[in-house]
Amino acid sequence: MTGSAEAYERYQAPEFRRLLAAARRSLERNGGEIKGSIGLANPTTAERNAIIGVTGTYRSADVRRITIPLSALEQSVRNVTGMSLRDVLERVGPELRFRTDERTALDQARQTIRAEGEASPLHAEHSWYRQWLASLASDGTITGLINKKDTHLFSQAVRVLEHLYNRPIDAPPLMLPALADATTGDTKALNPGRGSLPTLVLRALAMARGISLESGAEARRELWDAFDVIVDDLASRVLVLNLPATGQGLGQWLTDAARYGTPFHVTLHQLITLPIAVNLPTVYVCENPAVLRRAAGELGAGSPPLICAEGRPSTLSVSLG
């Protein structure tokens, strides 16, 4: 019966389930070596009879724990199937996972990621980057990326950060899809809900700003905006009063609104698609819309040019100002 399907199927019976599970744990713990003993607590009658068959030694019905050398199970399995205990366990499935080897591989993978992170010029230049890298190692983020086989996301995050910090100071705002495409080849890679990459990058940017990373679309949009990255060019907008400009479309609308002293909302999308030129010696900026509203109500077309950031400076308000 050696090596036959019937012999192998014997070890799929319920009375061998716990015994083979104990054998699996022992082999995984000891790197596949057949050594030591395994045992069962409170064995059933079927389990006790199976162990008697393995060892050839009688065990009384009132025994509460049975312990046998793993080598005895190995020899019994070979006699019955012609296969090793490991072969039988892996045929039952799944493959054995040797913890020592896995720990070694995990440690090596962690070191590889840390080395990659430390090789970036940002590591020597910025304390926030070093803090970010250390936090990813200490809170289990790097381990999670390794276990999920997502270490490429770390590499992409570093490229995004390098791209942002290598941009010229006077470079125009960058749309989020363009940033994603330039650093990952996927225009949607940095979109919310696209896995760990956006969070990895935003954690670093928050540390660079000395703030905590907050949840919510608005907080994340503002953080991107702080680095001249536009998530939504329609959401980035300002309220203006008496800001005549030249340029087709938007320039004409602004000039007409100024003629009547009417407040006008300008979006970044308008500014990008309908560029304008503003030739005024002085433009005033405020944060509270109530200030602009009062200026429009009391001064109308006679009010000085005014830009209202509506509570928070944005890339658009900086561009117009």
C-alpha atoms as a PDB file:
ATOM      1  CA  MET A   1       0.000   0.000   0.000  1.00  0.00           C
ATOM      2  CA  THR A   2       3.101   2.191   0.052  1.00  0.00           C
ATOM      3  CA  GLY A   3       2.590   5.524  -1.724  1.00  0.00           C
ATOM      4  CA  SER A   4      -1.001   4.710  -2.716  1.00  0.00           C
ATOM      5  CA  ALA A   5      -3.854   7.190  -2.562  1.00  0.00           C
ATOM      6  CA  GLU A   6      -5.557   5.043   0.090  1.00  0.00           C
ATOM      7  CA  ALA A   7      -2.498   5.252   2.331  1.00  0.00           C
ATOM      8  CA  TYR A   8      -2.323   9.018   2.002  1.00  0.00           C
ATOM      9  CA  GLU A   9      -6.052   9.472   2.597  1.00  0.00           C
ATOM     10  CA  ARG A  10      -5.670   7.708   5.915  1.00  0.00           C
ATOM     11  CA  TYR A  11      -4.064  10.860   7.308  1.00  0.00           C
ATOM     12  CA  GLN A  12      -6.972  13.028   6.213  1.00  0.00           C
ATOM     13  CA  ALA A  13      -9.251  11.281   8.684  1.00  0.00           C
ATOM     14  CA  PRO A  14     -10.510  13.340  11.681  1.00  0.00           C
ATOM     15  CA  GLU A  15      -8.529  11.296  14.220  1.00  0.00           C
ATOM     16  CA  PHE A  16      -5.257  12.522  12.670  1.00  0.00           C
ATOM     17  CA  ARG A  17      -6.228  16.192  12.340  1.00  0.00           C
ATOM     18  CA  ARG A  18      -4.926  17.439  15.688  1.00  0.00           C
ATOM     19  CA  LEU A  19      -1.916  15.153  15.642  1.00  0.00           C
ATOM     20  CA  LEU A  20      -0.778  16.428  12.233  1.00  0.00           C
ATOM     21  CA  ALA A  21      -1.478  20.028  13.275  1.00  0.00           C
ATOM     22  CA  ALA A  22       0.857  19.531  16.264  1.00  0.00           C
ATOM     23  CA  ALA A  23       3.459  17.984  13.951  1.00  0.00           C
ATOM     24  CA  ARG A  24       3.162  20.958  11.581  1.00  0.00           C
ATOM     25  CA  ARG A  25       3.748  23.445  14.402  1.00  0.00           C
ATOM     26  CA  SER A  26       6.809  21.515  15.558  1.00  0.00           C
ATOM     27  CA  LEU A  27       8.357  21.349  12.086  1.00  0.00           C
ATOM     28  CA  GLU A  28       7.694  25.032  11.385  1.00  0.00           C
ATOM     29  CA  ARG A  29       9.157  26.011  14.748  1.00  0.00           C
ATOM     30  CA  ASN A  30      12.286  23.871  14.244  1.00  0.00           C
ATOM     31  CA  GLY A  31      13.036  24.622  10.618  1.00  0.00           C
ATOM     32  CA  GLY A  32      11.739  21.272   9.370  1.00  0.00           C
ATOM     33  CA  GLU A  33      13.833  19.135  11.724  1.00  0.00           C
ATOM     34  CA  ILE A  34      12.316  15.966  13.159  1.00  0.00           C
ATOM     35  CA  LYS A  35      13.033  16.408  16.836  1.00  0.00           C
ATOM     36  CA  GLY A  36      11.297  16.592  20.176  1.00  0.00           C
ATOM     37  CA  SER A  37       7.834  15.363  21.027  1.00  0.00           C
ATOM     38  CA  ILE A  38       4.265  16.347  20.265  1.00  0.00           C
ATOM     39  CA  GLY A  39       1.156  15.693  22.300  1.00  0.00           C
ATOM     40  CA  LEU A  40      -2.607  15.783  22.454  1.00  0.00           C
ATOM     41  CA  ALA A  41      -4.656  16.892  25.452  1.00  0.00           C
ATOM     42  CA  ASN A  42      -7.887  15.041  26.221  1.00  0.00           C
ATOM     43  CA  PRO A  43      -7.702  12.736  23.186  1.00  0.00           C
ATOM     44  CA  THR A  44     -10.864  11.196  21.825  1.00  0.00           C
ATOM     45  CA  THR A  45     -11.159   7.450  21.554  1.00  0.00           C
ATOM     46  CA  ALA A  46     -10.435   7.647  17.828  1.00  0.00           C
ATOM     47  CA  GLU A  47      -7.374   9.832  18.419  1.00  0.00           C
ATOM     48  CA  ARG A  48      -6.088   7.498  21.149  1.00  0.00           C
ATOM     49  CA  ASN A  49      -6.473   4.475  18.875  1.00  0.00           C
ATOM     50  CA  ALA A  50      -4.699   6.301  16.033  1.00  0.00           C
ATOM     51  CA  ILE A  51      -1.743   7.087  18.295  1.00  0.00           C
ATOM     52  CA  ILE A  52      -1.623   3.479  19.502  1.00  0.00           C
ATOM     53  CA  GLY A  53      -1.431   2.478  15.838  1.00  0.00           C
ATOM     54  CA  VAL A  54       1.448   4.907  15.266  1.00  0.00           C
ATOM     55  CA  THR A  55       3.534   3.891  18.282  1.00  0.00           C
ATOM     56  CA  GLY A  56       2.420   0.308  18.899  1.00  0.00           C
ATOM     57  CA  THR A  57       2.109   1.212  22.584  1.00  0.00           C
ATOM     58  CA  TYR A  58      -1.172   0.846  24.434  1.00  0.00           C
ATOM     59  CA  ARG A  59      -2.668   3.944  26.084  1.00  0.00           C
ATOM     60  CA  SER A  60      -5.453   3.602  28.636  1.00  0.00           C
ATOM     61  CA  ALA A  61      -8.830   5.206  28.049  1.00  0.00           C
ATOM     62  CA  ASP A  62      -8.508   7.527  31.059  1.00  0.00           C
ATOM     63  CA  VAL A  63      -5.281   9.184  29.909  1.00  0.00           C
ATOM     64  CA  ARG A  64      -5.665  12.983  29.713  1.00  0.00           C
ATOM     65  CA  ARG A  65      -2.619  13.763  27.579  1.00  0.00           C
ATOM     66  CA  ILE A  66      -0.642  11.602  25.189  1.00  0.00           C
ATOM     67  CA  THR A  67       2.884  12.553  24.142  1.00  0.00           C
ATOM     68  CA  ILE A  68       4.859  10.827  21.401  1.00  0.00           C
ATOM     69  CA  PRO A  69       8.256  11.473  19.786  1.00  0.00           C
ATOM     70  CA  LEU A  70       7.904  13.239  16.474  1.00  0.00           C
ATOM     71  CA  SER A  71      10.345  10.704  15.060  1.00  0.00           C
ATOM     72  CA  ALA A  72       7.807   7.933  15.792  1.00  0.00           C
ATOM     73  CA  LEU A  73       5.179   9.699  13.701  1.00  0.00           C
ATOM     74  CA  GLU A  74       7.715  10.298  10.940  1.00  0.00           C
ATOM     75  CA  GLN A  75       8.643   6.599  10.819  1.00  0.00           C
ATOM     76  CA  SER A  76       5.011   5.471  10.886  1.00  0.00           C
ATOM     77  CA  VAL A  77       4.103   7.805   8.024  1.00  0.00           C
ATOM     78  CA  ARG A  78       7.032   6.552   5.954  1.00  0.00           C
ATOM     79  CA  ASN A  79       6.078   2.939   6.591  1.00  0.00           C
ATOM     80  CA  VAL A  80       2.500   3.528   5.492  1.00  0.00           C
ATOM     81  CA  THR A  81       2.890   5.966   2.575  1.00  0.00           C
ATOM     82  CA  GLY A  82       6.505   5.878   1.494  1.00  0.00           C
ATOM     83  CA  MET A  83       6.553   9.667   1.964  1.00  0.00           C
ATOM     84  CA  SER A  84       8.116  11.828   4.649  1.00  0.00           C
ATOM     85  CA  LEU A  85       5.990  13.482   7.299  1.00  0.00           C
ATOM     86  CA  ARG A  86       6.711  16.848   5.682  1.00  0.00           C
ATOM     87  CA  ASP A  87       5.546  15.570   2.284  1.00  0.00           C
ATOM     88  CA  VAL A  88       2.288  14.346   3.772  1.00  0.00           C
ATOM     89  CA  LEU A  89       1.685  17.606   5.638  1.00  0.00           C
ATOM     90  CA  GLU A  90       2.271  19.680   2.513  1.00  0.00           C
ATOM     91  CA  ARG A  91       0.082  17.379   0.457  1.00  0.00           C
ATOM     92  CA  VAL A  92      -2.691  17.975   2.982  1.00  0.00           C
ATOM     93  CA  GLY A  93      -1.732  21.636   2.701  1.00  0.00           C
ATOM     94  CA  PRO A  94      -0.697  24.320   2.990  1.00  0.00           C
ATOM     95  CA  GLU A  95       3.081  24.372   2.573  1.00  0.00           C
ATOM     96  CA  LEU A  96       5.089  24.561   5.769  1.00  0.00           C
ATOM     97  CA  ARG A  97       6.235  28.026   6.776  1.00  0.00           C
ATOM     98  CA  PHE A  98       9.501  28.001   8.650  1.00  0.00           C
ATOM     99  CA  ARG A  99       9.395  30.868  11.112  1.00  0.00           C
ATOM    100  CA  THR A 100      13.150  31.306  11.374  1.00  0.00           C
ATOM    101  CA  ASP A 101      13.483  31.630   7.618  1.00  0.00           C
ATOM    102  CA  GLU A 102      10.529  34.023   7.465  1.00  0.00           C
ATOM    103  CA  ARG A 103      11.983  36.212  10.203  1.00  0.00           C
ATOM    104  CA  THR A 104      15.310  36.306   8.404  1.00  0.00           C
ATOM    105  CA  ALA A 105      13.659  37.198   5.108  1.00  0.00           C
ATOM    106  CA  LEU A 106      11.535  39.862   6.808  1.00  0.00           C
ATOM    107  CA  ASP A 107      14.562  41.408   8.496  1.00  0.00           C
ATOM    108  CA  GLN A 108      16.437  41.486   5.204  1.00  0.00           C
ATOM    109  CA  ALA A 109      13.474  43.106   3.446  1.00  0.00           C
ATOM    110  CA  ARG A 110      13.233  45.756   6.188  1.00  0.00           C
ATOM    111  CA  GLN A 111      16.930  46.520   5.850  1.00  0.00           C
ATOM    112  CA  THR A 112      16.575  46.830   2.076  1.00  0.00           C
ATOM    113  CA  ILE A 113      13.755  49.350   2.425  1.00  0.00           C
ATOM    114  CA  ARG A 114      15.584  51.336   5.080  1.00  0.00           C
ATOM    115  CA  ALA A 115      18.692  51.433   2.892  1.00  0.00           C
ATOM    116  CA  GLU A 116      16.639  52.639  -0.064  1.00  0.00           C
ATOM    117  CA  GLY A 117      15.072  55.357   2.052  1.00  0.00           C
ATOM    118  CA  GLU A 118      18.403  56.467   3.466  1.00  0.00           C
ATOM    119  CA  ALA A 119      19.908  56.641  -0.033  1.00  0.00           C
ATOM    120  CA  SER A 120      17.577  59.500  -0.945  1.00  0.00           C
ATOM    121  CA  PRO A 121      19.149  63.000  -0.799  1.00  0.00           C
ATOM    122  CA  LEU A 122      16.200  63.986   1.381  1.00  0.00           C
ATOM    123  CA  HIS A 123      17.607  61.840   4.205  1.00  0.00           C
ATOM    124  CA  ALA A 124      20.672  64.022   4.635  1.00  0.00           C
ATOM    125  CA  GLU A 125      18.856  67.289   3.992  1.00  0.00           C
ATOM    126  CA  HIS A 126      15.652  67.097   6.044  1.00  0.00           C
ATOM    127  CA  SER A 127      14.964  65.982   9.613  1.00  0.00           C
ATOM    128  CA  TRP A 128      11.269  65.486   8.825  1.00  0.00           C
ATOM    129  CA  TYR A 129      12.210  62.867   6.231  1.00  0.00           C
ATOM    130  CA  ARG A 130      14.336  60.982   8.767  1.00  0.00           C
ATOM    131  CA  GLN A 131      11.443  61.189  11.236  1.00  0.00           C
ATOM    132  CA  TRP A 132       9.065  59.836   8.585  1.00  0.00           C
ATOM    133  CA  LEU A 133      11.337  56.941   7.759  1.00  0.00           C
ATOM    134  CA  ALA A 134      11.780  56.052  11.430  1.00  0.00           C
ATOM    135  CA  SER A 135       8.035  56.181  12.072  1.00  0.00           C
ATOM    136  CA  LEU A 136       7.309  53.806   9.187  1.00  0.00           C
ATOM    137  CA  ALA A 137       9.761  51.323  10.695  1.00  0.00           C
ATOM    138  CA  SER A 138       8.539  51.644  14.272  1.00  0.00           C
ATOM    139  CA  ASP A 139       4.778  51.484  13.740  1.00  0.00           C
ATOM    140  CA  GLY A 140       4.755  48.400  11.521  1.00  0.00           C
ATOM    141  CA  THR A 141       4.023  50.184   8.243  1.00  0.00           C
ATOM    142  CA  ILE A 142       7.122  48.816   6.523  1.00  0.00           C
ATOM    143  CA  THR A 143       6.386  45.305   7.779  1.00  0.00           C
ATOM    144  CA  GLY A 144       2.840  45.604   6.457  1.00  0.00           C
ATOM    145  CA  LEU A 145       4.092  46.668   3.021  1.00  0.00           C
ATOM    146  CA  ILE A 146       6.447  43.684   2.950  1.00  0.00           C
ATOM    147  CA  ASN A 147       3.768  41.196   3.975  1.00  0.00           C
ATOM    148  CA  LYS A 148       1.373  42.557   1.347  1.00  0.00           C
ATOM    149  CA  LYS A 149       4.150  42.600  -1.283  1.00  0.00           C
ATOM    150  CA  ASP A 150       3.616  46.339  -1.683  1.00  0.00           C
ATOM    151  CA  THR A 151       7.184  47.560  -1.131  1.00  0.00           C
ATOM    152  CA  HIS A 152       7.048  49.298  -4.527  1.00  0.00           C
ATOM    153  CA  LEU A 153       4.672  51.795  -2.897  1.00  0.00           C
ATOM    154  CA  PHE A 154       7.466  52.905  -0.573  1.00  0.00           C
ATOM    155  CA  SER A 155       9.746  53.451  -3.566  1.00  0.00           C
ATOM    156  CA  GLN A 156       7.041  55.479  -5.275  1.00  0.00           C
ATOM    157  CA  ALA A 157       6.441  57.563  -2.147  1.00  0.00           C
ATOM    158  CA  VAL A 158      10.123  58.492  -2.021  1.00  0.00           C
ATOM    159  CA  ARG A 159      10.027  59.486  -5.702  1.00  0.00           C
ATOM    160  CA  VAL A 160       6.963  61.690  -5.083  1.00  0.00           C
ATOM    161  CA  LEU A 161       8.669  63.458  -2.187  1.00  0.00           C
ATOM    162  CA  GLU A 162      11.871  63.961  -4.166  1.00  0.00           C
ATOM    163  CA  HIS A 163       9.879  65.346  -7.092  1.00  0.00           C
ATOM    164  CA  LEU A 164       8.113  67.872  -4.876  1.00  0.00           C
ATOM    165  CA  TYR A 165      11.305  69.039  -3.205  1.00  0.00           C
ATOM    166  CA  ASN A 166      13.268  69.245  -6.455  1.00  0.00           C
ATOM    167  CA  ARG A 167      10.766  71.553  -8.137  1.00  0.00           C
ATOM    168  CA  PRO A 168      11.936  75.146  -8.714  1.00  0.00           C
ATOM    169  CA  ILE A 169      10.575  77.636  -6.218  1.00  0.00           C
ATOM    170  CA  ASP A 170       8.845  79.600  -8.966  1.00  0.00           C
ATOM    171  CA  ALA A 171       7.315  76.525 -10.638  1.00  0.00           C
ATOM    172  CA  PRO A 172       3.567  76.778 -11.293  1.00  0.00           C
ATOM    173  CA  PRO A 173       1.105  74.671  -9.274  1.00  0.00           C
ATOM    174  CA  LEU A 174       1.008  70.992 -10.182  1.00  0.00           C
ATOM    175  CA  MET A 175      -2.150  69.009 -10.683  1.00  0.00           C
ATOM    176  CA  LEU A 176      -2.301  65.817  -8.610  1.00  0.00           C
ATOM    177  CA  PRO A 177      -2.771  63.512 -11.646  1.00  0.00           C
ATOM    178  CA  ALA A 178       0.286  65.092 -13.297  1.00  0.00           C
ATOM    179  CA  LEU A 179       2.364  64.487 -10.165  1.00  0.00           C
ATOM    180  CA  ALA A 180       1.197  60.885  -9.997  1.00  0.00           C
ATOM    181  CA  ASP A 181       1.977  60.309 -13.661  1.00  0.00           C
ATOM    182  CA  ALA A 182       5.451  61.827 -13.391  1.00  0.00           C
ATOM    183  CA  THR A 183       6.416  59.685 -10.404  1.00  0.00           C
ATOM    184  CA  THR A 184       4.494  56.423 -10.835  1.00  0.00           C
ATOM    185  CA  GLY A 185       3.280  56.314 -14.430  1.00  0.00           C
ATOM    186  CA  ASP A 186      -0.325  56.131 -13.210  1.00  0.00           C
ATOM    187  CA  THR A 187      -2.360  59.338 -13.155  1.00  0.00           C
ATOM    188  CA  LYS A 188      -4.678  57.911 -10.483  1.00  0.00           C
ATOM    189  CA  ALA A 189      -2.023  56.516  -8.145  1.00  0.00           C
ATOM    190  CA  LEU A 190      -2.290  59.400  -5.644  1.00  0.00           C
ATOM    191  CA  ASN A 191      -6.073  59.630  -5.655  1.00  0.00           C
ATOM    192  CA  PRO A 192      -7.890  59.130  -2.332  1.00  0.00           C
ATOM    193  CA  GLY A 193      -8.834  55.514  -1.783  1.00  0.00           C
ATOM    194  CA  ARG A 194      -6.041  54.168  -3.970  1.00  0.00           C
ATOM    195  CA  GLY A 195      -4.295  52.164  -1.248  1.00  0.00           C
ATOM    196  CA  SER A 196      -1.329  53.127   0.903  1.00  0.00           C
ATOM    197  CA  LEU A 197       0.611  55.417  -1.428  1.00  0.00           C
ATOM    198  CA  PRO A 198      -1.331  58.671  -0.851  1.00  0.00           C
ATOM    199  CA  THR A 199      -1.222  58.124   2.904  1.00  0.00           C
ATOM    200  CA  LEU A 200       2.521  57.405   2.869  1.00  0.00           C
ATOM    201  CA  VAL A 201       3.189  60.655   1.037  1.00  0.00           C
ATOM    202  CA  LEU A 202       0.784  62.758   3.095  1.00  0.00           C
ATOM    203  CA  ARG A 203       2.284  61.448   6.354  1.00  0.00           C
ATOM    204  CA  ALA A 204       5.637  62.765   5.191  1.00  0.00           C
ATOM    205  CA  LEU A 205       4.214  66.108   4.062  1.00  0.00           C
ATOM    206  CA  ALA A 206       2.440  66.555   7.394  1.00  0.00           C
ATOM    207  CA  MET A 207       5.727  65.948   9.204  1.00  0.00           C
ATOM    208  CA  ALA A 208       7.430  68.441   6.903  1.00  0.00           C
ATOM    209  CA  ARG A 209       4.818  71.003   7.966  1.00  0.00           C
ATOM    210  CA  GLY A 210       5.095  70.062  11.625  1.00  0.00           C
ATOM    211  CA  ILE A 211       1.431  69.073  11.877  1.00  0.00           C
ATOM    212  CA  SER A 212      -0.582  65.919  12.442  1.00  0.00           C
ATOM    213  CA  LEU A 213      -2.118  64.175   9.458  1.00  0.00           C
ATOM    214  CA  GLU A 214      -5.860  64.664   9.791  1.00  0.00           C
ATOM    215  CA  SER A 215      -8.552  62.543   8.220  1.00  0.00           C
ATOM    216  CA  GLY A 216     -11.060  63.917   5.779  1.00  0.00           C
ATOM    217  CA  ALA A 217     -10.898  65.089   2.195  1.00  0.00           C
ATOM    218  CA  GLU A 218     -10.685  68.778   3.082  1.00  0.00           C
ATOM    219  CA  ALA A 219      -7.672  68.380   5.382  1.00  0.00           C
ATOM    220  CA  ARG A 220      -5.851  66.288   2.810  1.00  0.00           C
ATOM    221  CA  ARG A 221      -6.646  68.739   0.027  1.00  0.00           C
ATOM    222  CA  GLU A 222      -5.246  71.603   2.094  1.00  0.00           C
ATOM    223  CA  LEU A 223      -2.076  69.634   2.814  1.00  0.00           C
ATOM    224  CA  TRP A 224      -1.514  68.958  -0.884  1.00  0.00           C
ATOM    225  CA  ASP A 225      -2.282  72.608  -1.565  1.00  0.00           C
ATOM    226  CA  ALA A 226       0.435  73.671   0.881  1.00  0.00           C
ATOM    227  CA  PHE A 227       2.941  72.018  -1.457  1.00  0.00           C
ATOM    228  CA  ASP A 228       1.424  73.579  -4.595  1.00  0.00           C
ATOM    229  CA  VAL A 229      -0.317  70.360  -5.581  1.00  0.00           C
ATOM    230  CA  ILE A 230      -3.890  70.854  -6.751  1.00  0.00           C
ATOM    231  CA  VAL A 231      -6.294  68.039  -5.984  1.00  0.00           C
ATOM    232  CA  ASP A 232      -9.370  69.737  -7.456  1.00  0.00           C
ATOM    233  CA  ASP A 233      -8.956  72.829  -9.604  1.00  0.00           C
ATOM    234  CA  LEU A 234     -12.655  73.590  -9.220  1.00  0.00           C
ATOM    235  CA  ALA A 235     -12.564  73.439  -5.417  1.00  0.00           C
ATOM    236  CA  SER A 236      -9.585  75.808  -5.257  1.00  0.00           C
ATOM    237  CA  ARG A 237     -11.189  79.203  -5.556  1.00  0.00           C
ATOM    238  CA  VAL A 238     -11.148  82.765  -4.240  1.00  0.00           C
ATOM    239  CA  LEU A 239     -13.593  85.638  -4.091  1.00  0.00           C
ATOM    240  CA  VAL A 240     -12.445  88.865  -5.741  1.00  0.00           C
ATOM    241  CA  LEU A 241     -13.743  92.417  -5.949  1.00  0.00           C
ATOM    242  CA  ASN A 242     -12.761  95.045  -8.483  1.00  0.00           C
ATOM    243  CA  LEU A 243      -9.932  93.089 -10.092  1.00  0.00           C
ATOM    244  CA  PRO A 244      -9.978  94.078 -13.780  1.00  0.00           C
ATOM    245  CA  ALA A 245      -7.728  91.960 -15.965  1.00  0.00           C
ATOM    246  CA  THR A 246      -6.784  91.320 -19.536  1.00  0.00           C
ATOM    247  CA  GLY A 247      -7.379  87.985 -21.217  1.00  0.00           C
ATOM    248  CA  GLN A 248     -10.193  86.315 -23.084  1.00  0.00           C
ATOM    249  CA  GLY A 249     -13.030  84.883 -21.042  1.00  0.00           C
ATOM    250  CA  LEU A 250     -11.933  85.252 -17.430  1.00  0.00           C
ATOM    251  CA  GLY A 251     -10.226  88.607 -18.017  1.00  0.00           C
ATOM    252  CA  GLN A 252     -13.377  89.974 -19.609  1.00  0.00           C
ATOM    253  CA  TRP A 253     -15.590  88.628 -16.810  1.00  0.00           C
ATOM    254  CA  LEU A 254     -13.396  90.161 -14.117  1.00  0.00           C
ATOM    255  CA  THR A 255     -13.336  93.493 -15.869  1.00  0.00           C
ATOM    256  CA  ASP A 256     -17.128  93.521 -16.258  1.00  0.00           C
ATOM    257  CA  ALA A 257     -17.602  92.545 -12.587  1.00  0.00           C
ATOM    258  CA  ALA A 258     -15.257  95.365 -11.513  1.00  0.00           C
ATOM    259  CA  ARG A 259     -17.215  97.837 -13.602  1.00  0.00           C
ATOM    260  CA  TYR A 260     -20.295  97.091 -11.503  1.00  0.00           C
ATOM    261  CA  GLY A 261     -18.475  96.555  -8.184  1.00  0.00           C
ATOM    262  CA  THR A 262     -19.757  92.951  -8.075  1.00  0.00           C
ATOM    263  CA  PRO A 263     -17.917  90.199  -6.142  1.00  0.00           C
ATOM    264  CA  PHE A 264     -16.769  87.358  -8.414  1.00  0.00           C
ATOM    265  CA  HIS A 265     -15.590  83.808  -7.675  1.00  0.00           C
ATOM    266  CA  VAL A 266     -12.479  82.672  -9.558  1.00  0.00           C
ATOM    267  CA  THR A 267     -11.516  78.990  -9.708  1.00  0.00           C
ATOM    268  CA  LEU A 268      -8.080  77.619 -10.431  1.00  0.00           C
ATOM    269  CA  HIS A 269      -9.559  75.799 -13.399  1.00  0.00           C
ATOM    270  CA  GLN A 270     -10.570  79.149 -14.883  1.00  0.00           C
ATOM    271  CA  LEU A 271      -7.148  80.627 -14.207  1.00  0.00           C
ATOM    272  CA  ILE A 272      -5.374  77.694 -15.873  1.00  0.00           C
ATOM    273  CA  THR A 273      -7.645  77.401 -18.899  1.00  0.00           C
ATOM    274  CA  LEU A 274      -8.249  81.143 -19.331  1.00  0.00           C
ATOM    275  CA  PRO A 275      -4.998  82.848 -18.257  1.00  0.00           C
ATOM    276  CA  ILE A 276      -5.107  86.517 -17.351  1.00  0.00           C
ATOM    277  CA  ALA A 277      -2.804  89.429 -16.631  1.00  0.00           C
ATOM    278  CA  VAL A 278      -3.490  91.848 -13.782  1.00  0.00           C
ATOM    279  CA  ASN A 279      -1.810  95.241 -14.055  1.00  0.00           C
ATOM    280  CA  LEU A 280      -2.589  97.002 -10.793  1.00  0.00           C
ATOM    281  CA  PRO A 281      -0.130  98.735  -8.453  1.00  0.00           C
ATOM    282  CA  THR A 282      -1.788  97.390  -5.285  1.00  0.00           C
ATOM    283  CA  VAL A 283      -4.138  94.497  -4.549  1.00  0.00           C
ATOM    284  CA  TYR A 284      -5.431  93.962  -1.018  1.00  0.00           C
ATOM    285  CA  VAL A 285      -5.978  90.515   0.494  1.00  0.00           C
ATOM    286  CA  CYS A 286      -8.314  89.473   3.317  1.00  0.00           C
ATOM    287  CA  GLU A 287      -9.451  86.183   4.842  1.00  0.00           C
ATOM    288  CA  ASN A 288     -12.984  86.995   5.964  1.00  0.00           C
ATOM    289  CA  PRO A 289     -15.666  87.219   3.244  1.00  0.00           C
ATOM    290  CA  ALA A 290     -17.553  89.683   5.447  1.00  0.00           C
ATOM    291  CA  VAL A 291     -14.814  92.264   4.782  1.00  0.00           C
ATOM    292  CA  LEU A 292     -15.219  91.941   1.028  1.00  0.00           C
ATOM    293  CA  ARG A 293     -18.997  91.946   1.322  1.00  0.00           C
ATOM    294  CA  ARG A 294     -18.939  95.219   3.275  1.00  0.00           C
ATOM    295  CA  ALA A 295     -16.521  96.791   0.798  1.00  0.00           C
ATOM    296  CA  ALA A 296     -18.834  95.812  -2.055  1.00  0.00           C
ATOM    297  CA  GLY A 297     -21.898  97.087  -0.223  1.00  0.00           C
ATOM    298  CA  GLU A 298     -20.470 100.427   0.915  1.00  0.00           C
ATOM    299  CA  LEU A 299     -17.949 101.269  -1.819  1.00  0.00           C
ATOM    300  CA  GLY A 300     -19.093  99.228  -4.802  1.00  0.00           C
ATOM    301  CA  ALA A 301     -17.044  99.977  -7.890  1.00  0.00           C
ATOM    302  CA  GLY A 302     -15.056 102.497  -5.863  1.00  0.00           C
ATOM    303  CA  SER A 303     -13.533  99.848  -3.589  1.00  0.00           C
ATOM    304  CA  PRO A 304      -9.812  99.101  -3.958  1.00  0.00           C
ATOM    305  CA  PRO A 305      -9.029  95.741  -5.625  1.00  0.00           C
ATOM    306  CA  LEU A 306      -9.596  92.997  -3.043  1.00  0.00           C
ATOM    307  CA  ILE A 307      -8.980  89.237  -2.943  1.00  0.00           C
ATOM    308  CA  CYS A 308     -10.609  87.126  -0.231  1.00  0.00           C
ATOM    309  CA  ALA A 309      -9.104  83.717   0.551  1.00  0.00           C
ATOM    310  CA  GLU A 310     -12.326  82.770   2.372  1.00  0.00           C
ATOM    311  CA  GLY A 311     -10.641  81.643   5.568  1.00  0.00           C
ATOM    312  CA  ARG A 312      -7.551  79.883   4.187  1.00  0.00           C
ATOM    313  CA  PRO A 313      -4.843  80.972   1.747  1.00  0.00           C
ATOM    314  CA  SER A 314      -4.838  78.692  -1.293  1.00  0.00           C
ATOM    315  CA  THR A 315      -2.558  78.212  -4.267  1.00  0.00           C
ATOM    316  CA  LEU A 316      -5.018  80.278  -6.300  1.00  0.00           C
ATOM    317  CA  SER A 317      -5.047  83.222  -3.891  1.00  0.00           C
ATOM    318  CA  VAL A 318      -1.254  83.240  -3.838  1.00  0.00           C
ATOM    319  CA  SER A 319      -1.194  83.118  -7.657  1.00  0.00           C
ATOM    320  CA  LEU A 320      -3.598  86.046  -8.005  1.00  0.00           C
ATOM    321  CA  GLY A 321      -1.976  88.028  -5.223  1.00  0.00           C
END
